[in-house]
Amino acid sequence: MQLHISPSLRHVTVFPGKGVREFIKVKVGSRRVSYRMLFYSLLFFTFLLRFVFVMTAVDSIDGETKCSTIGCLGKKLGPKILGRRIDSNNVPEVIYQVLEEPIVKDELQGRTDIPQTLDEFMAEIKDSNLDARSFAIKLREMVTLLEQRTRTAKIQEYLYRHVASSSIPKQLHCLALRLANEHSNNAAARLQLPSAELVPALVDNSYFHFVLASDNVLAASVVAASLVKNSLRPHKVVLHIITDRKTYYPMQAWFSLHPLLPAIIEVKALHHFDWFSKGKVPVLEAMEKDQKVRSNFRGGSSAIVANATEKPNVIAAKLQALSPKYNSVMNHIRIHLPELFPSLNKVVFLDDDIVVQTDLSPLWEIEMNGKANGAVETCRGEDKFVMSKKLKSYLNFSHPLILNNFDPNECAWAYGMNIFDLEAWRKTNISATYHHWVEQNLKSDLSLWQLGTLPPGLIAFHGHVQVIDPFWHMLGLGYQENTTYVDAESAGVIHFNGRAKPWLDIAFPELRQLWSKYIDFSDKFIKGCHIRAS
């Protein structure tokens, strides 16, 4: 085939072969753009077709492991482009198949040829000419081994934190003993709290009444100090401290020797309440049964961590369920506030692991709309780790009793700083509902929920919660350190919920400062028990 173009570029003639007369003759018009475009188009496509033919042939000769630019383009564009076909056994498919193959238990035990780091893996891959399947096998072995080691390390961490958080630090034990000794030897440590002339204020609803239930003297002292020091009207503050029999004398000694005037502090043990000492108390009966069930249910922390099939976060939740705090009467007593304080209309209940950082008197101005419990919701907020809790986070919706009565996606709320309208509460069956569900959980071998007083509280107060501004209660300072010092400092109340309590060595150092600044480390009892700021 021959292509002849006249010197004037006005005629293009194509001859099919030697000895044959004119085959095609094209006369190009006088328009300048037309003949130039035809010329350059023919020239370009002639070159392109030859180039594609050569590169495609080279790609076929090189095989599947190498790929030229045009050849790869052909593969990517599909089988209709450049006549390429798609290979079903490409590398990604092989890798997926290998990674999905299960590894036999103990298959990696004792192996020394598995890379320990990504650098080792990359070096080994570069040094050896592995096909796709061998590459995937090596990758799977390394990732599985590291995953097993990570799981073991996480479980060990949870176990150590469980042991640390369940034990009483020797400094706190020392403080309780020294204060008990002071109570027996020093009349000033045995003062009536409050003094006789201030007793009428204990039932006066014109005061701001706060309730704190705790068997931890140091923790109670921080709550009390932070509450009074940040109050704009401390003379109107009444703090009712409820404790157990063994902690009563140390608690009374501390607040006798460290008054927070002009605030009014009442220290009372549970056995001092007439209601509590009369007849059977449902919460105590439930606690006794709960303790018996727990002692046989999970076989202790050793059995929990030995479970090789459960995820670390599930093991952590079960370990946390064994914490003595979750079976403490101090944790359950809030459900009986209407009976404990029959003359009061409204109280703010504070946990002993919180710090007050602002004046709390505006809480009495919040409209409760007939609800019994004013609380912060925990399913909305910037911190998605802490503020992502719904009912399904606490209740077992695989159990028909829970599934048939509640919505798993309903927002949860928090204990720790709650406004309780006792007048509204007394008109409901909240306490009876609480005890009913606690009993149901015991009958089901603790299968409705796993830990704490919040799950039955979520059920009992269902429909009786008034949502308040998150400013009043920042959570999560005891189990994650994503919260910055600046953010925590700007909250009205911060809550060290979780294992890393601020009085423990496992507390987060930066956040602990917000708690420790309310302790006078020059105090003789604090110094004598070697309680330090960090």
Protein backbone atom coordinates (compact mmCIF):
# COMPACT_ATOMS: atom_id res chain seq x y z
CA MET A 1 0.00 0.00 0.00
CA GLN A 2 1.29 3.46 -0.95
CA LEU A 3 0.18 6.89 0.16
CA HIS A 4 0.84 9.80 -2.22
CA ILE A 5 0.24 13.43 -1.24
CA SER A 6 0.52 16.17 -3.88
CA PRO A 7 3.01 19.04 -3.27
CA SER A 8 0.13 21.45 -2.88
CA LEU A 9 -1.41 19.14 -0.26
CA ARG A 10 -4.70 19.38 -2.18
CA HIS A 11 -4.77 15.78 -3.46
CA VAL A 12 -4.26 12.55 -1.48
CA THR A 13 -3.99 9.30 -3.52
CA VAL A 14 -3.88 5.76 -2.06
CA PHE A 15 -2.47 2.89 -4.30
CA PRO A 16 -3.25 -0.69 -3.18
CA GLY A 17 -0.16 -2.21 -4.70
CA LYS A 18 2.31 -2.32 -7.57
CA GLY A 19 0.83 -2.45 -11.07
CA VAL A 20 -2.60 -1.29 -10.05
CA ARG A 21 -3.92 2.03 -11.16
CA GLU A 22 -5.30 4.68 -8.88
CA PHE A 23 -7.35 3.13 -6.12
CA ILE A 24 -8.61 6.09 -4.16
CA LYS A 25 -8.25 9.71 -5.04
CA VAL A 26 -9.40 12.44 -2.69
CA LYS A 27 -9.60 16.04 -3.65
CA VAL A 28 -9.25 18.30 -0.67
CA GLY A 29 -11.20 21.53 -0.58
CA SER A 30 -9.60 24.90 -0.49
CA ARG A 31 -10.37 25.41 3.18
CA ARG A 32 -7.08 25.64 5.02
CA VAL A 33 -8.15 23.80 8.14
CA SER A 34 -9.65 20.75 6.40
CA TYR A 35 -6.63 19.40 4.45
CA ARG A 36 -4.20 20.14 7.22
CA MET A 37 -6.39 18.29 9.73
CA LEU A 38 -6.71 15.30 7.40
CA PHE A 39 -2.98 15.10 6.92
CA TYR A 40 -2.08 15.30 10.57
CA SER A 41 -4.85 12.90 11.57
CA LEU A 42 -3.64 10.22 9.16
CA LEU A 43 -0.09 10.71 10.31
CA PHE A 44 -1.02 10.48 13.99
CA PHE A 45 -3.17 7.36 13.73
CA THR A 46 -0.61 5.58 11.60
CA PHE A 47 2.00 6.11 14.30
CA LEU A 48 -0.39 5.22 17.13
CA LEU A 49 -1.49 1.91 15.64
CA ARG A 50 2.08 0.77 15.10
CA PHE A 51 3.05 1.81 18.68
CA VAL A 52 0.12 0.00 20.26
CA PHE A 53 0.83 -3.14 18.28
CA VAL A 54 4.49 -3.23 19.37
CA MET A 55 3.79 -2.49 23.08
CA THR A 56 0.98 -5.03 23.29
CA ALA A 57 3.20 -7.69 21.76
CA VAL A 58 6.01 -6.89 24.21
CA ASP A 59 3.58 -7.07 27.11
CA SER A 60 2.42 -10.52 26.02
CA ILE A 61 6.03 -11.74 25.70
CA ASP A 62 7.00 -10.37 29.14
CA GLY A 63 4.21 -12.34 30.81
CA GLU A 64 1.93 -11.52 33.78
CA THR A 65 4.58 -10.40 36.23
CA LYS A 66 5.64 -7.40 34.11
CA CYS A 67 3.43 -4.77 32.59
CA SER A 68 4.17 -1.97 30.12
CA THR A 69 2.33 1.29 30.32
CA ILE A 70 -0.01 0.73 27.40
CA GLY A 71 -0.48 -2.91 28.31
CA CYS A 72 -1.50 -1.99 31.84
CA LEU A 73 -3.80 0.64 30.44
CA GLY A 74 -5.43 -2.02 28.35
CA LYS A 75 -6.00 -4.21 31.38
CA LYS A 76 -7.46 -1.37 33.41
CA LEU A 77 -9.79 -0.15 30.69
CA GLY A 78 -11.24 -3.60 30.22
CA PRO A 79 -11.41 -6.42 27.67
CA LYS A 80 -12.95 -4.22 24.95
CA ILE A 81 -9.92 -1.90 24.84
CA LEU A 82 -6.87 -3.08 22.89
CA GLY A 83 -8.23 -6.58 22.83
CA ARG A 84 -7.02 -7.38 26.38
CA ARG A 85 -8.68 -9.99 28.59
CA ILE A 86 -8.93 -9.82 32.37
CA ASP A 87 -7.16 -12.53 34.30
CA SER A 88 -9.34 -13.94 37.11
CA ASN A 89 -6.30 -15.07 39.10
CA ASN A 90 -4.89 -11.60 39.70
CA VAL A 91 -2.76 -10.88 42.79
CA PRO A 92 -5.41 -9.19 45.03
CA GLU A 93 -7.76 -12.16 44.67
CA VAL A 94 -5.03 -14.58 45.69
CA ILE A 95 -4.17 -12.45 48.73
CA TYR A 96 -7.81 -12.32 49.82
CA GLN A 97 -8.14 -16.07 49.56
CA VAL A 98 -5.06 -16.71 51.69
CA LEU A 99 -5.94 -14.12 54.34
CA GLU A 100 -9.40 -15.61 54.73
CA GLU A 101 -8.02 -19.08 55.42
CA PRO A 102 -8.22 -19.84 59.18
CA ILE A 103 -5.03 -20.48 61.10
CA VAL A 104 -4.94 -23.68 63.13
CA LYS A 105 -4.60 -23.12 66.87
CA ASP A 106 -0.96 -23.12 68.03
CA GLU A 107 0.19 -23.21 64.39
CA LEU A 108 2.52 -20.28 65.07
CA GLN A 109 3.68 -21.56 68.47
CA GLY A 110 7.46 -21.68 68.68
CA ARG A 111 8.01 -20.37 65.15
CA THR A 112 11.19 -18.29 64.81
CA ASP A 113 10.99 -17.52 61.09
CA ILE A 114 8.09 -15.05 61.37
CA PRO A 115 9.02 -11.35 61.02
CA GLN A 116 8.56 -9.41 64.25
CA THR A 117 8.29 -5.94 62.72
CA LEU A 118 7.23 -4.32 59.46
CA ASP A 119 10.88 -3.51 58.67
CA GLU A 120 11.85 -7.17 59.01
CA PHE A 121 8.90 -8.16 56.83
CA MET A 122 9.84 -5.71 54.06
CA ALA A 123 13.51 -6.75 54.16
CA GLU A 124 12.56 -10.43 53.83
CA ILE A 125 10.19 -9.73 50.95
CA LYS A 126 12.81 -7.74 49.06
CA ASP A 127 15.46 -10.44 49.55
CA SER A 128 13.25 -13.29 48.31
CA ASN A 129 11.37 -13.65 45.04
CA LEU A 130 7.96 -14.59 46.44
CA ASP A 131 4.83 -15.14 44.42
CA ALA A 132 1.53 -13.61 45.51
CA ARG A 133 0.41 -16.61 47.57
CA SER A 134 3.68 -16.87 49.50
CA PHE A 135 3.57 -13.13 50.14
CA ALA A 136 0.05 -13.41 51.55
CA ILE A 137 0.95 -16.38 53.78
CA LYS A 138 3.92 -14.53 55.23
CA LEU A 139 1.80 -11.44 55.81
CA ARG A 140 -0.96 -13.43 57.49
CA GLU A 141 1.48 -15.15 59.85
CA MET A 142 3.09 -11.89 60.92
CA VAL A 143 -0.20 -10.06 61.50
CA THR A 144 -1.71 -13.01 63.41
CA LEU A 145 1.32 -13.32 65.67
CA LEU A 146 1.32 -9.60 66.46
CA GLU A 147 -2.43 -9.72 67.04
CA GLN A 148 -2.04 -12.56 69.55
CA ARG A 149 0.68 -10.69 71.41
CA THR A 150 -1.35 -7.48 71.45
CA ARG A 151 -4.35 -9.32 72.86
CA THR A 152 -2.24 -10.88 75.60
CA ALA A 153 -0.71 -7.52 76.49
CA LYS A 154 -4.12 -5.80 76.63
CA ILE A 155 -5.57 -8.50 78.86
CA GLN A 156 -2.58 -8.26 81.20
CA GLU A 157 -3.04 -4.50 81.33
CA TYR A 158 -6.72 -4.89 82.21
CA LEU A 159 -5.86 -7.45 84.90
CA TYR A 160 -3.23 -5.21 86.49
CA ARG A 161 -5.59 -2.24 86.41
CA HIS A 162 -8.30 -4.38 87.98
CA VAL A 163 -5.99 -5.41 90.81
CA ALA A 164 -4.80 -1.82 91.31
CA SER A 165 -8.29 -0.32 91.30
CA SER A 166 -9.78 -2.99 93.57
CA SER A 167 -7.14 -2.61 96.26
CA ILE A 168 -7.01 0.03 98.97
CA PRO A 169 -3.79 2.05 98.68
CA LYS A 170 -1.74 1.90 101.85
CA GLN A 171 -1.83 5.71 102.05
CA LEU A 172 -5.64 5.71 102.30
CA HIS A 173 -5.56 2.85 104.79
CA CYS A 174 -3.04 4.80 106.83
CA LEU A 175 -5.20 7.93 106.73
CA ALA A 176 -8.26 6.06 108.00
CA LEU A 177 -6.29 4.47 110.85
CA ARG A 178 -4.70 7.76 111.94
CA LEU A 179 -8.04 9.55 111.91
CA ALA A 180 -9.71 6.73 113.87
CA ASN A 181 -6.95 7.00 116.45
CA GLU A 182 -7.40 10.77 116.55
CA HIS A 183 -11.14 10.30 117.06
CA SER A 184 -10.56 8.15 120.13
CA ASN A 185 -7.89 10.42 121.67
CA ASN A 186 -8.94 13.95 120.74
CA ALA A 187 -12.28 15.43 121.75
CA ALA A 188 -11.97 18.01 118.97
CA ALA A 189 -12.19 15.15 116.49
CA ARG A 190 -15.52 14.00 117.94
CA LEU A 191 -17.58 17.14 117.38
CA GLN A 192 -21.24 16.83 116.55
CA LEU A 193 -21.61 17.55 112.84
CA PRO A 194 -23.25 19.92 112.40
CA SER A 195 -23.40 21.82 115.67
CA ALA A 196 -26.73 21.93 117.50
CA GLU A 197 -27.68 25.45 116.36
CA LEU A 198 -27.26 24.46 112.69
CA VAL A 199 -29.32 21.25 112.84
CA PRO A 200 -32.55 22.97 111.63
CA ALA A 201 -30.78 23.79 108.35
CA LEU A 202 -30.58 20.06 107.58
CA VAL A 203 -34.30 20.01 106.73
CA ASP A 204 -34.63 23.59 105.49
CA ASN A 205 -35.48 23.60 101.77
CA SER A 206 -34.24 27.17 101.35
CA TYR A 207 -30.67 25.78 101.47
CA PHE A 208 -28.82 24.01 98.66
CA HIS A 209 -28.67 20.38 99.76
CA PHE A 210 -25.99 18.06 98.39
CA VAL A 211 -25.63 14.36 99.18
CA LEU A 212 -22.36 12.44 99.05
CA ALA A 213 -22.15 8.70 99.80
CA SER A 214 -18.58 7.51 100.35
CA ASP A 215 -16.31 5.30 102.45
CA ASN A 216 -13.20 7.13 101.18
CA VAL A 217 -12.17 10.01 103.48
CA LEU A 218 -9.67 11.57 101.09
CA ALA A 219 -12.07 11.47 98.15
CA ALA A 220 -14.89 12.93 100.25
CA SER A 221 -12.60 15.74 101.42
CA VAL A 222 -11.86 16.77 97.81
CA VAL A 223 -15.54 16.76 96.83
CA ALA A 224 -16.45 18.84 99.88
CA ALA A 225 -13.56 21.30 99.48
CA SER A 226 -14.16 21.83 95.76
CA LEU A 227 -17.90 22.27 96.32
CA VAL A 228 -17.54 24.91 99.05
CA LYS A 229 -14.57 26.80 97.56
CA ASN A 230 -16.35 27.27 94.23
CA SER A 231 -19.69 28.23 95.74
CA LEU A 232 -20.81 31.87 95.46
CA ARG A 233 -23.04 31.40 98.53
CA PRO A 234 -21.21 28.88 100.75
CA HIS A 235 -23.34 29.86 103.76
CA LYS A 236 -26.34 28.33 101.95
CA VAL A 237 -24.59 25.02 101.21
CA VAL A 238 -25.52 21.90 103.18
CA LEU A 239 -23.51 18.76 102.43
CA HIS A 240 -24.94 15.48 103.77
CA ILE A 241 -22.14 12.86 103.86
CA ILE A 242 -23.33 9.27 104.19
CA THR A 243 -20.78 6.60 105.06
CA ASP A 244 -20.62 3.09 106.46
CA ARG A 245 -20.02 2.00 110.03
CA LYS A 246 -16.27 1.38 109.74
CA THR A 247 -15.56 4.75 108.07
CA TYR A 248 -17.81 6.87 110.29
CA TYR A 249 -15.22 7.73 112.95
CA PRO A 250 -12.42 8.64 110.50
CA MET A 251 -14.88 10.70 108.43
CA GLN A 252 -16.21 12.51 111.48
CA ALA A 253 -12.67 13.19 112.72
CA TRP A 254 -11.59 14.68 109.39
CA PHE A 255 -14.49 17.11 109.06
CA SER A 256 -14.37 17.99 112.75
CA LEU A 257 -10.73 19.00 112.38
CA HIS A 258 -11.14 20.49 108.89
CA PRO A 259 -14.41 22.51 108.94
CA LEU A 260 -15.46 24.19 105.72
CA LEU A 261 -17.22 27.17 107.22
CA PRO A 262 -19.59 28.79 106.55
CA ALA A 263 -20.93 25.69 104.77
CA ILE A 264 -22.79 23.12 106.87
CA ILE A 265 -21.42 19.57 106.85
CA GLU A 266 -23.36 16.60 108.19
CA VAL A 267 -21.61 13.24 108.63
CA LYS A 268 -23.91 10.29 109.18
CA ALA A 269 -23.47 6.52 109.02
CA LEU A 270 -26.14 4.33 107.46
CA HIS A 271 -27.02 2.75 110.79
CA HIS A 272 -27.92 6.23 112.10
CA PHE A 273 -30.89 6.47 109.74
CA ASP A 274 -34.11 5.29 111.35
CA TRP A 275 -35.51 4.03 108.05
CA PHE A 276 -32.37 2.00 107.35
CA SER A 277 -32.34 0.28 110.71
CA LYS A 278 -35.97 -0.79 110.60
CA GLY A 279 -36.91 -4.15 109.09
CA LYS A 280 -35.57 -5.44 105.80
CA VAL A 281 -33.93 -3.10 103.31
CA PRO A 282 -34.41 -4.34 99.73
CA VAL A 283 -31.07 -3.03 98.51
CA LEU A 284 -29.15 -4.91 101.21
CA GLU A 285 -30.96 -8.15 100.45
CA ALA A 286 -30.23 -7.74 96.76
CA MET A 287 -26.57 -7.03 97.50
CA GLU A 288 -26.20 -10.18 99.58
CA LYS A 289 -27.71 -12.31 96.81
CA ASP A 290 -25.67 -10.52 94.18
CA GLN A 291 -22.45 -11.21 96.05
CA LYS A 292 -23.26 -14.93 96.32
CA VAL A 293 -24.04 -15.17 92.61
CA ARG A 294 -20.90 -13.31 91.58
CA SER A 295 -18.69 -15.52 93.75
CA ASN A 296 -19.75 -18.57 91.74
CA PHE A 297 -20.63 -17.06 88.41
CA ARG A 298 -17.35 -16.23 86.70
CA GLY A 299 -14.74 -18.08 88.70
CA GLY A 300 -12.78 -14.97 89.59
CA SER A 301 -10.31 -12.90 87.60
CA SER A 302 -8.08 -15.89 86.74
CA ALA A 303 -10.90 -17.66 84.93
CA ILE A 304 -11.86 -14.49 83.09
CA VAL A 305 -8.40 -13.76 81.66
CA ALA A 306 -7.90 -17.44 80.75
CA ASN A 307 -10.76 -17.25 78.23
CA ALA A 308 -9.03 -17.35 74.83
CA THR A 309 -12.11 -16.65 72.71
CA GLU A 310 -13.48 -13.40 74.09
CA LYS A 311 -12.33 -9.97 73.00
CA PRO A 312 -10.17 -7.91 75.40
CA ASN A 313 -12.89 -5.26 75.90
CA VAL A 314 -15.37 -7.98 76.97
CA ILE A 315 -12.82 -9.36 79.43
CA ALA A 316 -12.24 -5.82 80.73
CA ALA A 317 -15.98 -5.40 81.35
CA LYS A 318 -16.16 -8.69 83.26
CA LEU A 319 -13.14 -7.77 85.37
CA GLN A 320 -14.73 -4.45 86.15
CA ALA A 321 -17.87 -6.27 87.26
CA LEU A 322 -15.81 -7.95 89.98
CA SER A 323 -14.76 -4.60 91.45
CA PRO A 324 -15.95 -4.25 95.07
CA LYS A 325 -17.28 -0.78 94.24
CA TYR A 326 -20.07 -2.23 92.13
CA ASN A 327 -21.35 -4.22 95.08
CA SER A 328 -20.86 -1.44 97.63
CA VAL A 329 -23.83 -0.19 99.57
CA MET A 330 -22.49 3.32 98.94
CA ASN A 331 -23.16 2.77 95.26
CA HIS A 332 -26.68 1.45 95.75
CA ILE A 333 -27.92 3.82 98.44
CA ARG A 334 -28.92 6.63 96.06
CA ILE A 335 -32.04 4.68 95.06
CA HIS A 336 -33.36 5.27 98.62
CA LEU A 337 -32.86 9.06 98.79
CA PRO A 338 -36.59 9.83 99.23
CA GLU A 339 -36.70 7.59 102.32
CA LEU A 340 -33.36 8.84 103.71
CA PHE A 341 -34.35 12.52 103.41
CA PRO A 342 -38.14 12.61 103.83
CA SER A 343 -38.22 16.37 104.57
CA LEU A 344 -36.24 17.54 101.54
CA ASN A 345 -37.76 18.45 98.17
CA LYS A 346 -34.64 18.52 96.00
CA VAL A 347 -31.03 17.39 96.36
CA VAL A 348 -27.96 17.15 94.14
CA PHE A 349 -26.26 13.77 94.48
CA LEU A 350 -22.47 13.70 94.02
CA ASP A 351 -20.20 10.68 93.54
CA ASP A 352 -16.92 10.68 95.47
CA ASP A 353 -14.80 10.61 92.30
CA ILE A 354 -15.95 14.01 91.04
CA VAL A 355 -14.49 17.51 91.40
CA VAL A 356 -16.70 20.61 91.49
CA GLN A 357 -15.23 23.52 89.52
CA THR A 358 -18.06 26.07 89.55
CA ASP A 359 -20.94 27.33 91.63
CA LEU A 360 -23.71 24.70 91.57
CA SER A 361 -26.56 26.80 92.95
CA PRO A 362 -27.97 27.42 89.41
CA LEU A 363 -28.92 23.73 89.35
CA TRP A 364 -31.86 24.61 91.59
CA GLU A 365 -33.18 26.95 88.89
CA ILE A 366 -33.36 24.25 86.19
CA GLU A 367 -36.94 23.42 85.25
CA MET A 368 -37.43 19.69 85.85
CA ASN A 369 -40.84 19.47 84.13
CA GLY A 370 -42.10 16.95 86.66
CA LYS A 371 -39.14 14.62 86.11
CA ALA A 372 -37.37 13.01 89.06
CA ASN A 373 -33.81 12.90 87.72
CA GLY A 374 -31.82 15.69 86.08
CA ALA A 375 -28.86 14.16 84.25
CA VAL A 376 -26.45 14.65 81.36
CA GLU A 377 -26.99 12.42 78.33
CA THR A 378 -24.03 10.33 77.19
CA CYS A 379 -24.83 9.70 73.52
CA ARG A 380 -24.10 13.14 72.12
CA GLY A 381 -20.93 15.21 72.25
CA GLU A 382 -17.59 15.96 70.64
CA ASP A 383 -15.78 13.14 72.45
CA LYS A 384 -17.10 10.11 70.55
CA PHE A 385 -15.27 7.70 72.86
CA VAL A 386 -16.99 8.90 76.04
CA MET A 387 -20.21 10.40 74.68
CA SER A 388 -21.40 7.46 72.59
CA LYS A 389 -23.36 5.46 75.16
CA LYS A 390 -26.84 4.14 74.44
CA LEU A 391 -28.94 1.58 76.27
CA LYS A 392 -27.31 -1.19 74.22
CA SER A 393 -23.98 -0.15 75.79
CA TYR A 394 -25.22 -1.31 79.20
CA LEU A 395 -28.09 -3.75 78.75
CA ASN A 396 -28.02 -7.19 77.16
CA PHE A 397 -30.45 -6.96 74.25
CA SER A 398 -29.95 -10.61 73.36
CA HIS A 399 -32.10 -11.39 76.41
CA PRO A 400 -35.85 -11.31 75.62
CA LEU A 401 -36.68 -9.49 78.87
CA ILE A 402 -34.56 -6.54 77.78
CA LEU A 403 -35.35 -6.75 74.06
CA ASN A 404 -39.11 -6.72 74.61
CA ASN A 405 -39.11 -3.71 76.94
CA PHE A 406 -36.48 -1.24 75.75
CA ASP A 407 -35.02 0.43 72.67
CA PRO A 408 -31.31 -0.37 72.20
CA ASN A 409 -30.66 2.97 70.46
CA GLU A 410 -32.19 5.11 73.17
CA CYS A 411 -29.72 7.56 74.68
CA ALA A 412 -28.19 6.71 78.05
CA TRP A 413 -27.42 9.20 80.82
CA ALA A 414 -24.85 9.38 83.62
CA TYR A 415 -24.68 8.99 87.36
CA GLY A 416 -22.13 11.12 89.20
CA MET A 417 -23.82 14.52 89.37
CA ASN A 418 -27.60 14.30 89.37
CA ILE A 419 -30.40 16.63 90.38
CA PHE A 420 -33.07 14.58 92.17
CA ASP A 421 -36.50 16.11 92.59
CA LEU A 422 -37.59 14.07 95.59
CA GLU A 423 -41.14 15.40 95.48
CA ALA A 424 -41.60 14.13 91.93
CA TRP A 425 -39.79 10.89 92.80
CA ARG A 426 -42.18 10.08 95.64
CA LYS A 427 -45.07 10.14 93.17
CA THR A 428 -43.55 7.34 91.09
CA ASN A 429 -42.62 3.67 91.49
CA ILE A 430 -38.95 4.25 90.60
CA SER A 431 -37.50 2.50 93.67
CA ALA A 432 -39.81 -0.52 93.33
CA THR A 433 -38.94 -0.81 89.63
CA TYR A 434 -35.23 -0.70 90.48
CA HIS A 435 -35.51 -3.57 92.97
CA HIS A 436 -37.71 -5.60 90.62
CA TRP A 437 -35.12 -5.49 87.85
CA VAL A 438 -32.22 -6.17 90.22
CA GLU A 439 -34.11 -9.29 91.32
CA GLN A 440 -34.71 -10.29 87.68
CA ASN A 441 -31.00 -9.92 86.96
CA LEU A 442 -30.14 -12.18 89.88
CA LYS A 443 -32.64 -14.81 88.71
CA SER A 444 -31.07 -14.76 85.24
CA ASP A 445 -27.53 -15.29 86.60
CA LEU A 446 -26.58 -11.64 85.94
CA SER A 447 -27.35 -11.98 82.23
CA LEU A 448 -29.44 -8.78 81.88
CA TRP A 449 -26.41 -6.58 82.48
CA GLN A 450 -22.92 -7.09 83.79
CA LEU A 451 -21.89 -4.39 86.22
CA GLY A 452 -22.79 -1.45 88.37
CA THR A 453 -25.88 0.39 89.51
CA LEU A 454 -26.29 2.41 86.32
CA PRO A 455 -28.03 -0.33 84.24
CA PRO A 456 -30.88 -0.85 86.75
CA GLY A 457 -30.91 2.93 87.21
CA LEU A 458 -31.40 3.41 83.47
CA ILE A 459 -34.37 1.06 83.68
CA ALA A 460 -35.88 2.46 86.89
CA PHE A 461 -35.67 6.12 85.79
CA HIS A 462 -36.87 5.34 82.26
CA GLY A 463 -39.22 8.15 81.33
CA HIS A 464 -38.33 10.17 84.44
CA VAL A 465 -35.13 11.93 83.25
CA GLN A 466 -34.78 15.62 82.50
CA VAL A 467 -31.74 16.21 80.26
CA ILE A 468 -29.40 18.99 81.46
CA ASP A 469 -26.51 20.82 79.79
CA PRO A 470 -23.29 18.73 79.42
CA PHE A 471 -21.37 21.61 81.01
CA TRP A 472 -22.57 20.39 84.38
CA HIS A 473 -20.98 16.96 84.11
CA MET A 474 -17.88 15.94 82.09
CA LEU A 475 -17.25 12.20 82.17
CA GLY A 476 -14.50 9.74 81.33
CA LEU A 477 -11.47 11.15 83.16
CA GLY A 478 -10.85 7.80 84.82
CA TYR A 479 -10.61 5.54 81.80
CA GLN A 480 -9.19 7.59 78.93
CA GLU A 481 -6.80 10.49 78.56
CA ASN A 482 -8.15 11.97 75.34
CA THR A 483 -9.67 14.81 77.35
CA THR A 484 -7.23 17.71 77.56
CA TYR A 485 -6.48 19.66 80.73
CA VAL A 486 -7.96 22.82 79.19
CA ASP A 487 -11.21 21.09 78.20
CA ALA A 488 -11.59 19.46 81.61
CA GLU A 489 -10.85 22.72 83.40
CA SER A 490 -13.71 24.42 81.57
CA ALA A 491 -16.39 21.97 82.81
CA GLY A 492 -18.62 22.64 85.80
CA VAL A 493 -18.09 19.16 87.28
CA ILE A 494 -15.50 16.62 86.16
CA HIS A 495 -15.97 12.93 86.83
CA PHE A 496 -13.12 10.41 87.16
CA ASN A 497 -15.40 7.48 86.37
CA GLY A 498 -13.41 4.41 85.42
CA ARG A 499 -10.50 2.53 87.00
CA ALA A 500 -7.91 5.32 86.98
CA LYS A 501 -9.18 7.09 90.09
CA PRO A 502 -7.22 10.23 90.98
CA TRP A 503 -6.10 8.81 94.34
CA LEU A 504 -4.51 5.78 92.66
CA ASP A 505 -1.05 5.49 91.10
CA ILE A 506 -2.65 4.52 87.80
CA ALA A 507 -4.38 7.92 87.47
CA PHE A 508 -3.57 10.05 84.43
CA PRO A 509 -0.97 12.57 85.74
CA GLU A 510 -2.14 15.64 83.82
CA LEU A 511 -5.80 15.20 84.75
CA ARG A 512 -4.98 14.28 88.35
CA GLN A 513 -3.83 17.84 88.98
CA LEU A 514 -7.43 19.02 88.76
CA TRP A 515 -8.23 16.79 91.72
CA SER A 516 -5.07 17.10 93.83
CA LYS A 517 -5.16 20.91 93.96
CA TYR A 518 -7.91 20.63 96.58
CA ILE A 519 -5.67 18.70 98.96
CA ASP A 520 -3.48 20.48 101.50
CA PHE A 521 -0.30 18.41 101.30
CA SER A 522 1.13 20.22 104.32
CA ASP A 523 -1.61 18.80 106.56
CA LYS A 524 -0.14 16.54 109.26
CA PHE A 525 -2.39 13.59 108.41
CA ILE A 526 -1.66 13.88 104.70
CA LYS A 527 2.10 14.19 105.24
CA GLY A 528 2.13 11.46 107.86
CA CYS A 529 0.63 8.98 105.40
CA HIS A 530 2.95 10.03 102.54
CA ILE A 531 0.12 11.20 100.31
CA ARG A 532 1.75 13.24 97.55
CA ALA A 533 0.59 15.35 94.63
CA SER A 534 2.06 12.96 92.06
